[in-house]
Amino acid sequence: MIEKEGNPLPKYTVDKSGIMVMFESIFDKNDPINTGDYTKNDPVNDPVKLTAKERRDKIISLMLVNYKITRLELTKILNVSDATIKRDIEKLKKEGFIYRDGSDKSEKWLVNKTKNRM
């Protein structure tokens, strides 16, 4: 099976202390993922910047999952500033997509499910 996948066979050493099995590395030694050098630009791991609409849609989705989510949690999840989240929340409230319900200690986000986000 190992040869079928194109991988080298392991090398075995047997002595009185036991059996040692050595596997040859099949990884590219210059690839930063294998060397631990993460300073090189890797577009696969770069965060994808959402459009404002995509970000607001994500905020609504997150509020549906956790109606007590905070602005701080949203900034960390979406990797944007507090000011951006504040603007997005104000826009969503103004457009009638979300609103707050409850007292200062027990308030929660409610999503207007009858409002169409298309």
N, C-alpha and C. Protein backbone atom coordinates (compact mmCIF):
# COMPACT_ATOMS: atom_id res chain seq x y z
N MET A 1 0.82 -1.19 0.00
CA MET A 1 0.00 0.00 0.00
C MET A 1 0.86 1.25 0.00
N ILE A 2 1.95 1.25 0.78
CA ILE A 2 2.82 2.42 0.86
C ILE A 2 3.41 2.73 -0.52
N GLU A 3 3.95 1.70 -1.20
CA GLU A 3 4.53 1.91 -2.52
C GLU A 3 3.48 2.34 -3.52
N LYS A 4 2.28 1.81 -3.40
CA LYS A 4 1.19 2.16 -4.31
C LYS A 4 0.90 3.66 -4.27
N GLU A 5 1.03 4.28 -3.09
CA GLU A 5 0.78 5.70 -2.92
C GLU A 5 2.00 6.54 -3.31
N GLY A 6 3.10 5.90 -3.69
CA GLY A 6 4.29 6.62 -4.11
C GLY A 6 5.20 7.01 -2.97
N ASN A 7 4.97 6.47 -1.80
CA ASN A 7 5.80 6.79 -0.64
C ASN A 7 6.92 5.77 -0.49
N PRO A 8 8.10 6.20 0.01
CA PRO A 8 9.20 5.24 0.20
C PRO A 8 8.88 4.26 1.33
N LEU A 9 9.42 3.06 1.21
CA LEU A 9 9.23 2.06 2.25
C LEU A 9 9.99 2.44 3.50
N PRO A 10 9.46 2.13 4.68
CA PRO A 10 10.19 2.41 5.92
C PRO A 10 11.41 1.50 6.04
N LYS A 11 12.41 1.95 6.83
CA LYS A 11 13.61 1.15 7.07
C LYS A 11 13.51 0.57 8.47
N TYR A 12 13.80 -0.71 8.59
CA TYR A 12 13.70 -1.42 9.86
C TYR A 12 15.09 -1.75 10.39
N THR A 13 15.27 -1.58 11.69
CA THR A 13 16.50 -1.99 12.36
C THR A 13 16.09 -2.85 13.55
N VAL A 14 16.65 -4.04 13.60
CA VAL A 14 16.34 -4.96 14.70
C VAL A 14 17.62 -5.21 15.48
N ASP A 15 17.56 -5.00 16.79
CA ASP A 15 18.68 -5.35 17.66
C ASP A 15 18.12 -5.89 18.97
N LYS A 16 18.98 -6.13 19.96
CA LYS A 16 18.54 -6.75 21.21
C LYS A 16 17.59 -5.86 22.01
N SER A 17 17.58 -4.52 21.75
CA SER A 17 16.68 -3.64 22.49
C SER A 17 15.29 -3.55 21.85
N GLY A 18 15.16 -4.02 20.62
CA GLY A 18 13.85 -3.99 19.99
C GLY A 18 13.93 -3.69 18.50
N ILE A 19 12.83 -3.25 17.98
CA ILE A 19 12.73 -2.94 16.56
C ILE A 19 12.54 -1.42 16.41
N MET A 20 13.33 -0.84 15.49
CA MET A 20 13.17 0.58 15.20
C MET A 20 12.71 0.70 13.75
N VAL A 21 11.67 1.52 13.56
CA VAL A 21 11.15 1.76 12.23
C VAL A 21 11.38 3.23 11.90
N MET A 22 12.02 3.50 10.76
CA MET A 22 12.29 4.88 10.33
C MET A 22 11.57 5.14 9.02
N PHE A 23 10.84 6.26 9.00
CA PHE A 23 10.13 6.67 7.81
C PHE A 23 10.84 7.86 7.18
N GLU A 24 10.99 7.83 5.88
CA GLU A 24 11.60 8.95 5.16
C GLU A 24 10.55 10.02 4.94
N SER A 25 10.95 11.26 5.13
CA SER A 25 10.02 12.37 4.96
C SER A 25 9.65 12.51 3.49
N ILE A 26 8.36 12.69 3.24
CA ILE A 26 7.89 12.89 1.86
C ILE A 26 7.48 14.34 1.64
N PHE A 27 7.77 15.19 2.61
CA PHE A 27 7.38 16.58 2.53
C PHE A 27 8.47 17.43 1.90
N ASP A 28 8.07 18.48 1.25
CA ASP A 28 9.00 19.45 0.68
C ASP A 28 9.66 20.21 1.83
N LYS A 29 10.94 20.04 1.99
CA LYS A 29 11.65 20.65 3.11
C LYS A 29 11.73 22.18 3.00
N ASN A 30 11.45 22.74 1.83
CA ASN A 30 11.49 24.20 1.65
C ASN A 30 10.13 24.85 1.87
N ASP A 31 9.10 24.04 2.00
CA ASP A 31 7.75 24.58 2.22
C ASP A 31 7.66 25.12 3.64
N PRO A 32 7.21 26.40 3.82
CA PRO A 32 7.15 26.97 5.16
C PRO A 32 6.26 26.20 6.13
N ILE A 33 5.29 25.48 5.63
CA ILE A 33 4.40 24.72 6.51
C ILE A 33 5.18 23.59 7.19
N ASN A 34 6.24 23.10 6.52
CA ASN A 34 7.04 22.01 7.07
C ASN A 34 8.26 22.49 7.84
N THR A 35 8.68 23.74 7.63
CA THR A 35 9.87 24.25 8.31
C THR A 35 9.51 25.08 9.52
N GLY A 36 8.24 25.45 9.65
CA GLY A 36 7.83 26.30 10.76
C GLY A 36 8.03 27.78 10.47
N ASP A 37 8.44 28.11 9.23
CA ASP A 37 8.63 29.52 8.87
C ASP A 37 7.32 30.05 8.31
N TYR A 38 6.54 30.66 9.19
CA TYR A 38 5.23 31.16 8.78
C TYR A 38 5.27 32.63 8.40
N THR A 39 6.49 33.17 8.23
CA THR A 39 6.60 34.58 7.87
C THR A 39 6.40 34.79 6.38
N LYS A 40 6.50 33.73 5.59
CA LYS A 40 6.28 33.84 4.16
C LYS A 40 4.80 33.99 3.89
N ASN A 41 4.48 34.73 2.84
CA ASN A 41 3.08 34.98 2.49
C ASN A 41 2.44 33.69 1.97
N ASP A 42 1.40 33.25 2.63
CA ASP A 42 0.66 32.06 2.23
C ASP A 42 -0.79 32.47 2.01
N PRO A 43 -1.20 32.67 0.75
CA PRO A 43 -2.55 33.17 0.50
C PRO A 43 -3.65 32.24 1.00
N VAL A 44 -3.36 30.96 1.17
CA VAL A 44 -4.37 30.02 1.65
C VAL A 44 -4.78 30.37 3.07
N ASN A 45 -3.82 30.84 3.89
CA ASN A 45 -4.10 31.13 5.29
C ASN A 45 -4.45 32.58 5.56
N ASP A 46 -4.40 33.43 4.53
CA ASP A 46 -4.76 34.83 4.73
C ASP A 46 -6.26 34.93 4.95
N PRO A 47 -6.68 35.74 5.92
CA PRO A 47 -8.12 35.87 6.16
C PRO A 47 -8.82 36.48 4.95
N VAL A 48 -10.01 36.01 4.68
CA VAL A 48 -10.80 36.53 3.58
C VAL A 48 -11.61 37.70 4.10
N LYS A 49 -11.47 38.85 3.45
CA LYS A 49 -12.20 40.02 3.87
C LYS A 49 -13.62 39.95 3.30
N LEU A 50 -14.60 40.02 4.19
CA LEU A 50 -16.00 39.96 3.78
C LEU A 50 -16.46 41.33 3.31
N THR A 51 -17.41 41.34 2.40
CA THR A 51 -18.04 42.60 2.03
C THR A 51 -18.91 43.03 3.20
N ALA A 52 -19.35 44.30 3.19
CA ALA A 52 -20.19 44.80 4.28
C ALA A 52 -21.47 43.98 4.39
N LYS A 53 -22.09 43.64 3.25
CA LYS A 53 -23.32 42.86 3.28
C LYS A 53 -23.07 41.46 3.83
N GLU A 54 -21.98 40.83 3.38
CA GLU A 54 -21.64 39.49 3.88
C GLU A 54 -21.38 39.53 5.39
N ARG A 55 -20.70 40.59 5.84
CA ARG A 55 -20.41 40.72 7.27
C ARG A 55 -21.69 40.90 8.06
N ARG A 56 -22.61 41.73 7.58
CA ARG A 56 -23.88 41.92 8.29
C ARG A 56 -24.72 40.65 8.27
N ASP A 57 -24.68 39.91 7.17
CA ASP A 57 -25.38 38.61 7.13
C ASP A 57 -24.79 37.66 8.17
N LYS A 58 -23.48 37.68 8.31
CA LYS A 58 -22.80 36.83 9.30
C LYS A 58 -23.19 37.26 10.71
N ILE A 59 -23.29 38.56 10.95
CA ILE A 59 -23.72 39.06 12.26
C ILE A 59 -25.10 38.53 12.59
N ILE A 60 -26.01 38.59 11.63
CA ILE A 60 -27.37 38.07 11.85
C ILE A 60 -27.32 36.57 12.17
N SER A 61 -26.53 35.82 11.41
CA SER A 61 -26.40 34.38 11.65
C SER A 61 -25.87 34.10 13.05
N LEU A 62 -24.87 34.87 13.46
CA LEU A 62 -24.29 34.68 14.79
C LEU A 62 -25.29 35.03 15.88
N MET A 63 -26.11 36.04 15.65
CA MET A 63 -27.12 36.43 16.63
C MET A 63 -28.23 35.39 16.73
N LEU A 64 -28.50 34.71 15.63
CA LEU A 64 -29.49 33.63 15.67
C LEU A 64 -28.98 32.46 16.50
N VAL A 65 -27.68 32.21 16.45
CA VAL A 65 -27.08 31.12 17.21
C VAL A 65 -26.91 31.50 18.68
N ASN A 66 -26.48 32.75 18.93
CA ASN A 66 -26.22 33.21 20.30
C ASN A 66 -26.84 34.59 20.46
N TYR A 67 -28.04 34.65 21.00
CA TYR A 67 -28.75 35.92 21.11
C TYR A 67 -28.14 36.88 22.12
N LYS A 68 -27.16 36.41 22.90
CA LYS A 68 -26.49 37.28 23.88
C LYS A 68 -25.07 37.65 23.43
N ILE A 69 -24.76 37.45 22.16
CA ILE A 69 -23.42 37.74 21.67
C ILE A 69 -23.11 39.23 21.85
N THR A 70 -21.87 39.50 22.20
CA THR A 70 -21.46 40.89 22.45
C THR A 70 -20.73 41.46 21.23
N ARG A 71 -20.60 42.79 21.23
CA ARG A 71 -19.85 43.44 20.15
C ARG A 71 -18.40 42.96 20.17
N LEU A 72 -17.84 42.80 21.36
CA LEU A 72 -16.46 42.35 21.47
C LEU A 72 -16.30 40.96 20.83
N GLU A 73 -17.23 40.06 21.10
CA GLU A 73 -17.17 38.73 20.50
C GLU A 73 -17.28 38.82 18.98
N LEU A 74 -18.15 39.70 18.49
CA LEU A 74 -18.31 39.87 17.05
C LEU A 74 -17.02 40.39 16.42
N THR A 75 -16.35 41.34 17.08
CA THR A 75 -15.10 41.88 16.53
C THR A 75 -14.04 40.79 16.41
N LYS A 76 -13.98 39.90 17.40
CA LYS A 76 -12.99 38.82 17.37
C LYS A 76 -13.32 37.78 16.30
N ILE A 77 -14.58 37.42 16.21
CA ILE A 77 -14.99 36.40 15.23
C ILE A 77 -14.81 36.91 13.81
N LEU A 78 -15.20 38.16 13.56
CA LEU A 78 -15.16 38.71 12.20
C LEU A 78 -13.87 39.45 11.88
N ASN A 79 -12.99 39.58 12.86
CA ASN A 79 -11.69 40.21 12.67
C ASN A 79 -11.82 41.63 12.10
N VAL A 80 -12.70 42.41 12.72
CA VAL A 80 -12.88 43.82 12.35
C VAL A 80 -12.89 44.66 13.62
N SER A 81 -12.87 45.97 13.46
CA SER A 81 -12.83 46.86 14.62
C SER A 81 -14.20 46.97 15.28
N ASP A 82 -14.18 47.45 16.51
CA ASP A 82 -15.43 47.69 17.24
C ASP A 82 -16.28 48.73 16.52
N ALA A 83 -15.63 49.74 15.96
CA ALA A 83 -16.36 50.78 15.22
C ALA A 83 -17.12 50.19 14.03
N THR A 84 -16.49 49.25 13.34
CA THR A 84 -17.15 48.59 12.19
C THR A 84 -18.37 47.82 12.66
N ILE A 85 -18.22 47.04 13.74
CA ILE A 85 -19.35 46.26 14.27
C ILE A 85 -20.46 47.21 14.72
N LYS A 86 -20.08 48.29 15.38
CA LYS A 86 -21.06 49.27 15.86
C LYS A 86 -21.87 49.84 14.68
N ARG A 87 -21.16 50.21 13.60
CA ARG A 87 -21.85 50.73 12.40
C ARG A 87 -22.77 49.67 11.79
N ASP A 88 -22.27 48.43 11.70
CA ASP A 88 -23.09 47.35 11.12
C ASP A 88 -24.35 47.11 11.95
N ILE A 89 -24.20 47.08 13.26
CA ILE A 89 -25.35 46.85 14.14
C ILE A 89 -26.36 48.00 14.00
N GLU A 90 -25.87 49.23 13.97
CA GLU A 90 -26.77 50.38 13.81
C GLU A 90 -27.53 50.30 12.49
N LYS A 91 -26.84 49.92 11.43
CA LYS A 91 -27.48 49.79 10.11
C LYS A 91 -28.54 48.69 10.14
N LEU A 92 -28.20 47.54 10.74
CA LEU A 92 -29.16 46.44 10.83
C LEU A 92 -30.37 46.82 11.67
N LYS A 93 -30.15 47.57 12.75
CA LYS A 93 -31.27 48.03 13.58
C LYS A 93 -32.13 49.03 12.81
N LYS A 94 -31.48 49.97 12.14
CA LYS A 94 -32.20 51.00 11.38
C LYS A 94 -33.06 50.38 10.27
N GLU A 95 -32.52 49.34 9.64
CA GLU A 95 -33.25 48.67 8.55
C GLU A 95 -34.27 47.65 9.07
N GLY A 96 -34.33 47.45 10.39
CA GLY A 96 -35.34 46.58 10.98
C GLY A 96 -35.01 45.11 10.99
N PHE A 97 -33.74 44.76 10.76
CA PHE A 97 -33.35 43.35 10.75
C PHE A 97 -33.13 42.80 12.16
N ILE A 98 -32.66 43.65 13.07
CA ILE A 98 -32.40 43.21 14.44
C ILE A 98 -32.88 44.27 15.42
N TYR A 99 -33.09 43.86 16.67
CA TYR A 99 -33.38 44.82 17.74
C TYR A 99 -33.01 44.18 19.07
N ARG A 100 -32.82 45.05 20.07
CA ARG A 100 -32.47 44.58 21.41
C ARG A 100 -33.73 44.48 22.24
N ASP A 101 -33.77 43.49 23.13
CA ASP A 101 -34.92 43.29 24.00
C ASP A 101 -34.42 43.00 25.41
N GLY A 102 -35.04 43.62 26.40
CA GLY A 102 -34.70 43.33 27.79
C GLY A 102 -33.99 44.47 28.47
N SER A 103 -33.67 44.24 29.75
CA SER A 103 -32.97 45.23 30.55
C SER A 103 -31.48 45.22 30.22
N ASP A 104 -30.73 46.13 30.84
CA ASP A 104 -29.29 46.21 30.58
C ASP A 104 -28.57 44.91 30.91
N LYS A 105 -28.99 44.23 31.97
CA LYS A 105 -28.31 42.99 32.38
C LYS A 105 -28.79 41.77 31.59
N SER A 106 -30.03 41.76 31.21
CA SER A 106 -30.57 40.56 30.57
C SER A 106 -30.97 40.78 29.12
N GLU A 107 -30.47 41.86 28.51
CA GLU A 107 -30.90 42.12 27.14
C GLU A 107 -30.34 41.08 26.17
N LYS A 108 -31.03 40.92 25.07
CA LYS A 108 -30.63 39.95 24.07
C LYS A 108 -30.96 40.49 22.68
N TRP A 109 -30.28 39.94 21.69
CA TRP A 109 -30.54 40.33 20.30
C TRP A 109 -31.69 39.50 19.76
N LEU A 110 -32.61 40.15 19.10
CA LEU A 110 -33.69 39.45 18.41
C LEU A 110 -33.58 39.78 16.93
N VAL A 111 -33.77 38.77 16.11
CA VAL A 111 -33.67 38.92 14.67
C VAL A 111 -35.06 38.89 14.08
N ASN A 112 -35.36 39.87 13.25
CA ASN A 112 -36.66 39.94 12.58
C ASN A 112 -36.62 38.94 11.43
N LYS A 113 -37.19 37.76 11.64
CA LYS A 113 -37.13 36.69 10.63
C LYS A 113 -38.06 36.97 9.45
N THR A 114 -38.99 37.90 9.61
CA THR A 114 -39.89 38.20 8.50
C THR A 114 -39.25 39.16 7.51
N LYS A 115 -38.17 39.79 7.90
CA LYS A 115 -37.46 40.74 7.04
C LYS A 115 -36.58 39.94 6.08
N ASN A 116 -36.65 40.24 4.80
CA ASN A 116 -35.89 39.52 3.78
C ASN A 116 -34.53 40.18 3.58
N ARG A 117 -33.44 39.39 3.68
CA ARG A 117 -32.07 39.92 3.57
C ARG A 117 -31.52 39.84 2.16
N MET A 118 -32.27 39.53 1.17
CA MET A 118 -31.77 39.38 -0.21
C MET A 118 -31.08 40.57 -0.65
